[in-house]
Amino acid sequence: MTPPHADFCHGTGYGAGTFVLPARLTATTDALRSLYAQPDPRTDAEHFLQQICNHAVDIVDGAHMAGITIAESDSTHRTVAATDERVHTVDELQFRLGAGPAVESANTSGVVHAHSAEASRRWPQFAGEAHHAGVSSFLSAPLPGQGQPLGTLNLYSRDQRGFTDADAAVIELFALTAYFALLSSHRLELARARTRDLELALESRGVIEQAKGIIMGTRHVTADDAFAMLIQESQTSNIKLRIVAQQHIAAAIHPGQTNADSHDTRPSTN
């Protein structure tokens, strides 16, 4: 008899024919809730990806380590987060051989999982070398992107019996939802950056207008001519236009004194 509120696990591998208890769903829910609570200006993408890996290991009992790889081109991949140094070893191995669960998942946009014996049949050289590195079973799920996977979430196990179909289903859902959490975090930070840029632009505009007024009054030129003078001075000195404008204002307020900002010699981006 099936226990209430439990799903029966079919398929092969460790745990096949056993029950997926509510604890699995609770762990997944808690992980996703944590990820969606992450968006914060102090939380960078690297930390966010690391959290995804940590949660993935917590969700799947048979997982001993996890990592995230991204595809930089059709033939180039890179590991951007990992819970164990052996993840980097196994990832680099399959990138070099062009074979393995992460590579196959990225190429097919599907979930790939294999226990030790199956991995030996599908990717004999990779599986043999991965086993020497302490990894026997594999589970990879794609992280969606625009038209093709952005990368893959990869779980590795020391256990030869492998991951179940239920593990694959849960991690596929988690990878999909985690991706949207990451996207939300990126969009939030992008919006914050644009707001900061707008505030700086408005501040710069006010400073530039003041400097234009000073030049117009002292040199008896039009607004367009005054702005052209500021641009020319900025380009000649390779100092930002806003800094040049601040120098003119400071010179008008405190004749003979040098504005501290005049030492900012970073390339001009105006």
C-alpha atoms as a PDB file:
ATOM      1  CA  MET A   1       0.000   0.000   0.000  1.00  0.00           C
ATOM      2  CA  THR A   2       1.293   3.426  -0.949  1.00  0.00           C
ATOM      3  CA  PRO A   3       1.736   5.708   2.060  1.00  0.00           C
ATOM      4  CA  PRO A   4      -0.425   8.857   1.904  1.00  0.00           C
ATOM      5  CA  HIS A   5       1.186  11.923   0.315  1.00  0.00           C
ATOM      6  CA  ALA A   6       4.028   9.866  -1.180  1.00  0.00           C
ATOM      7  CA  ASP A   7       4.924   9.219  -4.817  1.00  0.00           C
ATOM      8  CA  PHE A   8       6.087   5.812  -6.042  1.00  0.00           C
ATOM      9  CA  CYS A   9       9.507   5.818  -7.693  1.00  0.00           C
ATOM     10  CA  HIS A  10       9.793   3.725 -10.877  1.00  0.00           C
ATOM     11  CA  GLY A  11      12.881   3.213 -13.020  1.00  0.00           C
ATOM     12  CA  THR A  12      16.341   1.864 -12.357  1.00  0.00           C
ATOM     13  CA  GLY A  13      19.134   2.756 -10.008  1.00  0.00           C
ATOM     14  CA  TYR A  14      19.428   3.229  -6.302  1.00  0.00           C
ATOM     15  CA  GLY A  15      16.049   3.671  -4.637  1.00  0.00           C
ATOM     16  CA  ALA A  16      14.001   2.305  -7.575  1.00  0.00           C
ATOM     17  CA  GLY A  17      10.723   0.950  -6.276  1.00  0.00           C
ATOM     18  CA  THR A  18      10.951   2.930  -3.057  1.00  0.00           C
ATOM     19  CA  PHE A  19       8.872   5.910  -1.987  1.00  0.00           C
ATOM     20  CA  VAL A  20       9.665   9.596  -2.467  1.00  0.00           C
ATOM     21  CA  LEU A  21       8.657  11.002   0.893  1.00  0.00           C
ATOM     22  CA  PRO A  22       7.295  14.500   1.518  1.00  0.00           C
ATOM     23  CA  ALA A  23      10.688  15.389   2.998  1.00  0.00           C
ATOM     24  CA  ARG A  24      12.065  15.505  -0.565  1.00  0.00           C
ATOM     25  CA  LEU A  25       9.456  18.035  -1.639  1.00  0.00           C
ATOM     26  CA  THR A  26       9.889  20.003   1.562  1.00  0.00           C
ATOM     27  CA  ALA A  27      13.654  20.218   0.986  1.00  0.00           C
ATOM     28  CA  THR A  28      13.067  21.360  -2.597  1.00  0.00           C
ATOM     29  CA  THR A  29      10.558  23.987  -1.492  1.00  0.00           C
ATOM     30  CA  ASP A  30      12.909  25.287   1.198  1.00  0.00           C
ATOM     31  CA  ALA A  31      15.779  25.460  -1.295  1.00  0.00           C
ATOM     32  CA  LEU A  32      13.771  27.447  -3.817  1.00  0.00           C
ATOM     33  CA  ARG A  33      12.420  29.749  -1.135  1.00  0.00           C
ATOM     34  CA  SER A  34      16.000  30.438  -0.064  1.00  0.00           C
ATOM     35  CA  LEU A  35      17.088  31.165  -3.634  1.00  0.00           C
ATOM     36  CA  TYR A  36      14.246  33.593  -4.276  1.00  0.00           C
ATOM     37  CA  ALA A  37      15.118  35.365  -1.055  1.00  0.00           C
ATOM     38  CA  GLN A  38      18.693  35.818  -2.314  1.00  0.00           C
ATOM     39  CA  PRO A  39      18.317  38.875  -4.621  1.00  0.00           C
ATOM     40  CA  ASP A  40      20.348  41.502  -2.817  1.00  0.00           C
ATOM     41  CA  PRO A  41      22.901  44.038  -4.036  1.00  0.00           C
ATOM     42  CA  ARG A  42      25.511  42.310  -1.849  1.00  0.00           C
ATOM     43  CA  THR A  43      24.845  38.874  -3.396  1.00  0.00           C
ATOM     44  CA  ASP A  44      26.940  38.328  -6.516  1.00  0.00           C
ATOM     45  CA  ALA A  45      26.251  35.769  -9.230  1.00  0.00           C
ATOM     46  CA  GLU A  46      29.116  33.516  -8.128  1.00  0.00           C
ATOM     47  CA  HIS A  47      27.679  33.198  -4.629  1.00  0.00           C
ATOM     48  CA  PHE A  48      24.212  32.603  -6.050  1.00  0.00           C
ATOM     49  CA  LEU A  49      25.434  29.758  -8.279  1.00  0.00           C
ATOM     50  CA  GLN A  50      27.285  28.240  -5.339  1.00  0.00           C
ATOM     51  CA  GLN A  51      24.057  28.262  -3.347  1.00  0.00           C
ATOM     52  CA  ILE A  52      22.291  26.405  -6.160  1.00  0.00           C
ATOM     53  CA  CYS A  53      24.951  23.667  -5.975  1.00  0.00           C
ATOM     54  CA  ASN A  54      24.712  23.417  -2.196  1.00  0.00           C
ATOM     55  CA  HIS A  55      20.932  23.094  -2.313  1.00  0.00           C
ATOM     56  CA  ALA A  56      21.091  20.487  -5.076  1.00  0.00           C
ATOM     57  CA  VAL A  57      23.231  18.223  -2.882  1.00  0.00           C
ATOM     58  CA  ASP A  58      20.792  18.701  -0.003  1.00  0.00           C
ATOM     59  CA  ILE A  59      17.790  17.823  -2.167  1.00  0.00           C
ATOM     60  CA  VAL A  60      19.111  14.568  -3.645  1.00  0.00           C
ATOM     61  CA  ASP A  61      20.170  12.068  -0.979  1.00  0.00           C
ATOM     62  CA  GLY A  62      22.529  10.141  -3.247  1.00  0.00           C
ATOM     63  CA  ALA A  63      24.426  13.239  -4.386  1.00  0.00           C
ATOM     64  CA  HIS A  64      27.821  13.792  -2.790  1.00  0.00           C
ATOM     65  CA  MET A  65      28.893  16.806  -4.857  1.00  0.00           C
ATOM     66  CA  ALA A  66      27.488  19.224  -7.424  1.00  0.00           C
ATOM     67  CA  GLY A  67      28.631  21.824  -9.901  1.00  0.00           C
ATOM     68  CA  ILE A  68      27.405  24.168 -12.613  1.00  0.00           C
ATOM     69  CA  THR A  69      28.970  24.395 -16.046  1.00  0.00           C
ATOM     70  CA  ILE A  70      28.243  27.000 -18.685  1.00  0.00           C
ATOM     71  CA  ALA A  71      28.747  26.773 -22.436  1.00  0.00           C
ATOM     72  CA  GLU A  72      30.941  29.613 -23.684  1.00  0.00           C
ATOM     73  CA  SER A  73      30.699  28.258 -27.241  1.00  0.00           C
ATOM     74  CA  ASP A  74      29.637  25.075 -29.016  1.00  0.00           C
ATOM     75  CA  SER A  75      32.903  23.444 -28.000  1.00  0.00           C
ATOM     76  CA  THR A  76      34.002  25.357 -24.906  1.00  0.00           C
ATOM     77  CA  HIS A  77      32.579  24.857 -21.409  1.00  0.00           C
ATOM     78  CA  ARG A  78      33.585  26.155 -17.998  1.00  0.00           C
ATOM     79  CA  THR A  79      32.779  25.164 -14.418  1.00  0.00           C
ATOM     80  CA  VAL A  80      31.542  28.262 -12.581  1.00  0.00           C
ATOM     81  CA  ALA A  81      30.539  26.747  -9.223  1.00  0.00           C
ATOM     82  CA  ALA A  82      31.272  23.514  -7.369  1.00  0.00           C
ATOM     83  CA  THR A  83      30.915  21.973  -3.933  1.00  0.00           C
ATOM     84  CA  ASP A  84      34.047  19.838  -4.232  1.00  0.00           C
ATOM     85  CA  GLU A  85      37.362  20.094  -6.088  1.00  0.00           C
ATOM     86  CA  ARG A  86      36.660  16.704  -7.673  1.00  0.00           C
ATOM     87  CA  VAL A  87      33.821  18.360  -9.595  1.00  0.00           C
ATOM     88  CA  HIS A  88      36.380  20.444 -11.491  1.00  0.00           C
ATOM     89  CA  THR A  89      38.419  17.313 -12.207  1.00  0.00           C
ATOM     90  CA  VAL A  90      35.426  15.387 -13.580  1.00  0.00           C
ATOM     91  CA  ASP A  91      34.154  18.362 -15.567  1.00  0.00           C
ATOM     92  CA  GLU A  92      37.511  19.063 -17.169  1.00  0.00           C
ATOM     93  CA  LEU A  93      37.774  15.392 -18.054  1.00  0.00           C
ATOM     94  CA  GLN A  94      34.528  15.329 -20.007  1.00  0.00           C
ATOM     95  CA  PHE A  95      35.242  18.701 -21.628  1.00  0.00           C
ATOM     96  CA  ARG A  96      38.553  17.326 -22.850  1.00  0.00           C
ATOM     97  CA  LEU A  97      37.026  14.083 -24.108  1.00  0.00           C
ATOM     98  CA  GLY A  98      33.862  15.706 -25.462  1.00  0.00           C
ATOM     99  CA  ALA A  99      31.825  12.998 -23.741  1.00  0.00           C
ATOM    100  CA  GLY A 100      29.987  12.687 -20.456  1.00  0.00           C
ATOM    101  CA  PRO A 101      26.694  13.608 -18.791  1.00  0.00           C
ATOM    102  CA  ALA A 102      27.219  17.391 -18.684  1.00  0.00           C
ATOM    103  CA  VAL A 103      28.281  17.526 -22.336  1.00  0.00           C
ATOM    104  CA  GLU A 104      25.371  15.314 -23.399  1.00  0.00           C
ATOM    105  CA  SER A 105      22.865  17.310 -21.337  1.00  0.00           C
ATOM    106  CA  ALA A 106      24.107  20.568 -22.871  1.00  0.00           C
ATOM    107  CA  ASN A 107      23.939  19.132 -26.393  1.00  0.00           C
ATOM    108  CA  THR A 108      20.486  17.542 -26.051  1.00  0.00           C
ATOM    109  CA  SER A 109      18.832  20.024 -23.652  1.00  0.00           C
ATOM    110  CA  GLY A 110      17.686  16.997 -21.674  1.00  0.00           C
ATOM    111  CA  VAL A 111      18.270  15.399 -18.298  1.00  0.00           C
ATOM    112  CA  VAL A 112      20.995  12.737 -18.333  1.00  0.00           C
ATOM    113  CA  HIS A 113      21.616  10.241 -15.534  1.00  0.00           C
ATOM    114  CA  ALA A 114      23.593   7.033 -15.374  1.00  0.00           C
ATOM    115  CA  HIS A 115      24.801   4.599 -12.728  1.00  0.00           C
ATOM    116  CA  SER A 116      28.331   3.210 -12.828  1.00  0.00           C
ATOM    117  CA  ALA A 117      27.750   0.288 -15.212  1.00  0.00           C
ATOM    118  CA  GLU A 118      25.639   2.380 -17.600  1.00  0.00           C
ATOM    119  CA  ALA A 119      28.195   5.192 -17.616  1.00  0.00           C
ATOM    120  CA  SER A 120      30.896   2.661 -18.516  1.00  0.00           C
ATOM    121  CA  ARG A 121      28.858   1.564 -21.525  1.00  0.00           C
ATOM    122  CA  ARG A 122      27.990   5.090 -22.709  1.00  0.00           C
ATOM    123  CA  TRP A 123      31.267   6.904 -22.034  1.00  0.00           C
ATOM    124  CA  PRO A 124      33.886   4.211 -21.341  1.00  0.00           C
ATOM    125  CA  GLN A 125      37.005   6.382 -21.170  1.00  0.00           C
ATOM    126  CA  PHE A 126      35.311   9.158 -19.220  1.00  0.00           C
ATOM    127  CA  ALA A 127      33.637   6.766 -16.761  1.00  0.00           C
ATOM    128  CA  GLY A 128      36.888   4.918 -16.091  1.00  0.00           C
ATOM    129  CA  GLU A 129      38.858   8.078 -15.352  1.00  0.00           C
ATOM    130  CA  ALA A 130      36.003   9.608 -13.343  1.00  0.00           C
ATOM    131  CA  HIS A 131      35.877   6.454 -11.212  1.00  0.00           C
ATOM    132  CA  HIS A 132      39.569   6.914 -10.397  1.00  0.00           C
ATOM    133  CA  ALA A 133      38.662  10.455  -9.277  1.00  0.00           C
ATOM    134  CA  GLY A 134      36.070   9.021  -6.897  1.00  0.00           C
ATOM    135  CA  VAL A 135      32.889   9.553  -8.916  1.00  0.00           C
ATOM    136  CA  SER A 136      30.751   6.648 -10.122  1.00  0.00           C
ATOM    137  CA  SER A 137      27.235   7.927 -10.876  1.00  0.00           C
ATOM    138  CA  PHE A 138      26.013  11.037 -12.674  1.00  0.00           C
ATOM    139  CA  LEU A 139      22.983  13.289 -13.037  1.00  0.00           C
ATOM    140  CA  SER A 140      22.952  16.411 -15.245  1.00  0.00           C
ATOM    141  CA  ALA A 141      20.060  18.784 -15.933  1.00  0.00           C
ATOM    142  CA  PRO A 142      20.083  21.741 -18.343  1.00  0.00           C
ATOM    143  CA  LEU A 143      19.808  25.339 -17.201  1.00  0.00           C
ATOM    144  CA  PRO A 144      17.630  27.003 -19.855  1.00  0.00           C
ATOM    145  CA  GLY A 145      18.883  29.852 -21.990  1.00  0.00           C
ATOM    146  CA  GLN A 146      17.836  31.735 -25.099  1.00  0.00           C
ATOM    147  CA  GLY A 147      17.274  28.988 -27.681  1.00  0.00           C
ATOM    148  CA  GLN A 148      19.829  26.623 -26.125  1.00  0.00           C
ATOM    149  CA  PRO A 149      20.908  25.672 -22.595  1.00  0.00           C
ATOM    150  CA  LEU A 150      22.827  28.314 -20.674  1.00  0.00           C
ATOM    151  CA  GLY A 151      24.657  25.469 -18.948  1.00  0.00           C
ATOM    152  CA  THR A 152      24.058  22.397 -16.824  1.00  0.00           C
ATOM    153  CA  LEU A 153      23.572  21.557 -13.160  1.00  0.00           C
ATOM    154  CA  ASN A 154      25.588  18.400 -12.494  1.00  0.00           C
ATOM    155  CA  LEU A 155      25.305  16.026  -9.549  1.00  0.00           C
ATOM    156  CA  TYR A 156      27.927  13.379  -8.864  1.00  0.00           C
ATOM    157  CA  SER A 157      27.816  10.380  -6.542  1.00  0.00           C
ATOM    158  CA  ARG A 158      30.401   8.022  -5.120  1.00  0.00           C
ATOM    159  CA  ASP A 159      27.693   5.337  -5.076  1.00  0.00           C
ATOM    160  CA  GLN A 160      27.768   2.961  -8.035  1.00  0.00           C
ATOM    161  CA  ARG A 161      23.998   2.371  -7.949  1.00  0.00           C
ATOM    162  CA  GLY A 162      23.212   5.772  -9.429  1.00  0.00           C
ATOM    163  CA  PHE A 163      20.353   8.218  -9.296  1.00  0.00           C
ATOM    164  CA  THR A 164      16.658   7.410  -9.679  1.00  0.00           C
ATOM    165  CA  ASP A 165      14.113   8.716 -12.157  1.00  0.00           C
ATOM    166  CA  ALA A 166      12.585  10.597  -9.240  1.00  0.00           C
ATOM    167  CA  ASP A 167      15.944  12.275  -8.559  1.00  0.00           C
ATOM    168  CA  ALA A 168      16.089  13.287 -12.220  1.00  0.00           C
ATOM    169  CA  ALA A 169      12.569  14.745 -12.153  1.00  0.00           C
ATOM    170  CA  VAL A 170      13.193  16.711  -8.973  1.00  0.00           C
ATOM    171  CA  ILE A 171      16.541  18.120 -10.096  1.00  0.00           C
ATOM    172  CA  GLU A 172      15.124  19.081 -13.510  1.00  0.00           C
ATOM    173  CA  LEU A 173      12.382  21.088 -11.799  1.00  0.00           C
ATOM    174  CA  PHE A 174      14.883  22.583  -9.377  1.00  0.00           C
ATOM    175  CA  ALA A 175      17.292  23.562 -12.178  1.00  0.00           C
ATOM    176  CA  LEU A 176      14.510  25.227 -14.156  1.00  0.00           C
ATOM    177  CA  THR A 177      13.203  27.189 -11.190  1.00  0.00           C
ATOM    178  CA  ALA A 178      16.688  28.062  -9.942  1.00  0.00           C
ATOM    179  CA  TYR A 179      17.466  29.516 -13.360  1.00  0.00           C
ATOM    180  CA  PHE A 180      14.500  31.877 -13.110  1.00  0.00           C
ATOM    181  CA  ALA A 181      15.603  32.861  -9.607  1.00  0.00           C
ATOM    182  CA  LEU A 182      19.031  33.659 -11.027  1.00  0.00           C
ATOM    183  CA  LEU A 183      17.436  35.614 -13.875  1.00  0.00           C
ATOM    184  CA  SER A 184      15.308  37.572 -11.396  1.00  0.00           C
ATOM    185  CA  SER A 185      18.393  38.391  -9.343  1.00  0.00           C
ATOM    186  CA  HIS A 186      20.261  39.525 -12.473  1.00  0.00           C
ATOM    187  CA  ARG A 187      17.371  41.705 -13.598  1.00  0.00           C
ATOM    188  CA  LEU A 188      17.073  43.250 -10.145  1.00  0.00           C
ATOM    189  CA  GLU A 189      20.770  44.117 -10.045  1.00  0.00           C
ATOM    190  CA  LEU A 190      20.570  45.443 -13.618  1.00  0.00           C
ATOM    191  CA  ALA A 191      17.667  47.689 -12.616  1.00  0.00           C
ATOM    192  CA  ARG A 192      19.646  48.934  -9.606  1.00  0.00           C
ATOM    193  CA  ALA A 193      22.674  49.626 -11.805  1.00  0.00           C
ATOM    194  CA  ARG A 194      20.550  51.570 -14.280  1.00  0.00           C
ATOM    195  CA  THR A 195      19.058  53.592 -11.442  1.00  0.00           C
ATOM    196  CA  ARG A 196      22.532  54.431 -10.142  1.00  0.00           C
ATOM    197  CA  ASP A 197      23.625  55.406 -13.649  1.00  0.00           C
ATOM    198  CA  LEU A 198      20.561  57.617 -14.056  1.00  0.00           C
ATOM    199  CA  GLU A 199      21.161  59.310 -10.720  1.00  0.00           C
ATOM    200  CA  LEU A 200      24.796  59.920 -11.653  1.00  0.00           C
ATOM    201  CA  ALA A 201      23.757  61.233 -15.075  1.00  0.00           C
ATOM    202  CA  LEU A 202      21.285  63.653 -13.509  1.00  0.00           C
ATOM    203  CA  GLU A 203      23.907  64.787 -11.021  1.00  0.00           C
ATOM    204  CA  SER A 204      26.463  65.196 -13.801  1.00  0.00           C
ATOM    205  CA  ARG A 205      23.997  67.128 -15.921  1.00  0.00           C
ATOM    206  CA  GLY A 206      23.456  69.644 -13.130  1.00  0.00           C
ATOM    207  CA  VAL A 207      27.201  70.081 -12.638  1.00  0.00           C
ATOM    208  CA  ILE A 208      27.793  70.491 -16.372  1.00  0.00           C
ATOM    209  CA  GLU A 209      25.015  73.072 -16.683  1.00  0.00           C
ATOM    210  CA  GLN A 210      26.553  75.083 -13.860  1.00  0.00           C
ATOM    211  CA  ALA A 211      29.961  74.959 -15.510  1.00  0.00           C
ATOM    212  CA  LYS A 212      28.443  76.032 -18.826  1.00  0.00           C
ATOM    213  CA  GLY A 213      26.872  79.031 -17.107  1.00  0.00           C
ATOM    214  CA  ILE A 214      30.180  80.024 -15.565  1.00  0.00           C
ATOM    215  CA  ILE A 215      31.972  79.811 -18.935  1.00  0.00           C
ATOM    216  CA  MET A 216      29.177  81.724 -20.672  1.00  0.00           C
ATOM    217  CA  GLY A 217      29.450  84.518 -18.101  1.00  0.00           C
ATOM    218  CA  THR A 218      33.213  84.752 -17.987  1.00  0.00           C
ATOM    219  CA  ARG A 219      33.986  84.217 -21.654  1.00  0.00           C
ATOM    220  CA  HIS A 220      30.846  85.750 -23.145  1.00  0.00           C
ATOM    221  CA  VAL A 221      29.996  82.763 -25.357  1.00  0.00           C
ATOM    222  CA  THR A 222      26.802  80.879 -26.170  1.00  0.00           C
ATOM    223  CA  ALA A 223      25.635  77.749 -24.329  1.00  0.00           C
ATOM    224  CA  ASP A 224      26.652  75.566 -27.269  1.00  0.00           C
ATOM    225  CA  ASP A 225      30.106  77.128 -27.388  1.00  0.00           C
ATOM    226  CA  ALA A 226      30.528  76.706 -23.628  1.00  0.00           C
ATOM    227  CA  PHE A 227      29.611  73.024 -23.857  1.00  0.00           C
ATOM    228  CA  ALA A 228      31.983  72.552 -26.787  1.00  0.00           C
ATOM    229  CA  MET A 229      34.789  74.068 -24.695  1.00  0.00           C
ATOM    230  CA  LEU A 230      34.095  71.610 -21.882  1.00  0.00           C
ATOM    231  CA  ILE A 231      34.106  68.688 -24.308  1.00  0.00           C
ATOM    232  CA  GLN A 232      37.375  69.843 -25.854  1.00  0.00           C
ATOM    233  CA  GLU A 233      39.013  70.262 -22.451  1.00  0.00           C
ATOM    234  CA  SER A 234      37.820  66.812 -21.356  1.00  0.00           C
ATOM    235  CA  GLN A 235      39.185  65.120 -24.461  1.00  0.00           C
ATOM    236  CA  THR A 236      42.479  66.995 -24.366  1.00  0.00           C
ATOM    237  CA  SER A 237      43.144  66.239 -20.691  1.00  0.00           C
ATOM    238  CA  ASN A 238      41.593  62.744 -20.837  1.00  0.00           C
ATOM    239  CA  ILE A 239      39.538  63.586 -17.747  1.00  0.00           C
ATOM    240  CA  LYS A 240      35.830  62.882 -17.383  1.00  0.00           C
ATOM    241  CA  LEU A 241      33.535  65.695 -18.453  1.00  0.00           C
ATOM    242  CA  ARG A 242      31.861  65.761 -15.037  1.00  0.00           C
ATOM    243  CA  ILE A 243      35.253  66.243 -13.337  1.00  0.00           C
ATOM    244  CA  VAL A 244      36.210  69.031 -15.740  1.00  0.00           C
ATOM    245  CA  ALA A 245      32.895  70.769 -14.976  1.00  0.00           C
ATOM    246  CA  GLN A 246      33.506  70.397 -11.228  1.00  0.00           C
ATOM    247  CA  GLN A 247      36.911  72.006 -11.655  1.00  0.00           C
ATOM    248  CA  HIS A 248      35.369  75.052 -13.340  1.00  0.00           C
ATOM    249  CA  ILE A 249      32.799  75.386 -10.556  1.00  0.00           C
ATOM    250  CA  ALA A 250      35.474  75.066  -7.858  1.00  0.00           C
ATOM    251  CA  ALA A 251      37.662  77.607  -9.627  1.00  0.00           C
ATOM    252  CA  ALA A 252      34.771  80.081  -9.709  1.00  0.00           C
ATOM    253  CA  ILE A 253      33.942  79.553  -6.034  1.00  0.00           C
ATOM    254  CA  HIS A 254      37.538  79.447  -4.778  1.00  0.00           C
ATOM    255  CA  PRO A 255      39.754  81.239  -7.285  1.00  0.00           C
ATOM    256  CA  GLY A 256      43.338  80.038  -7.163  1.00  0.00           C
ATOM    257  CA  GLN A 257      42.544  76.759  -5.423  1.00  0.00           C
ATOM    258  CA  THR A 258      42.691  73.348  -7.144  1.00  0.00           C
ATOM    259  CA  ASN A 259      39.757  71.003  -6.846  1.00  0.00           C
ATOM    260  CA  ALA A 260      40.771  67.684  -5.298  1.00  0.00           C
ATOM    261  CA  ASP A 261      38.895  65.953  -8.071  1.00  0.00           C
ATOM    262  CA  SER A 262      41.380  67.306 -10.589  1.00  0.00           C
ATOM    263  CA  HIS A 263      43.619  64.403  -9.634  1.00  0.00           C
ATOM    264  CA  ASP A 264      41.075  61.946 -11.087  1.00  0.00           C
ATOM    265  CA  THR A 265      42.849  61.120 -14.332  1.00  0.00           C
ATOM    266  CA  ARG A 266      40.793  58.080 -15.281  1.00  0.00           C
ATOM    267  CA  PRO A 267      40.000  57.848 -19.006  1.00  0.00           C
ATOM    268  CA  SER A 268      37.137  60.079 -20.015  1.00  0.00           C
ATOM    269  CA  THR A 269      33.771  58.389 -20.605  1.00  0.00           C
ATOM    270  CA  ASN A 270      31.814  61.620 -20.169  1.00  0.00           C
END
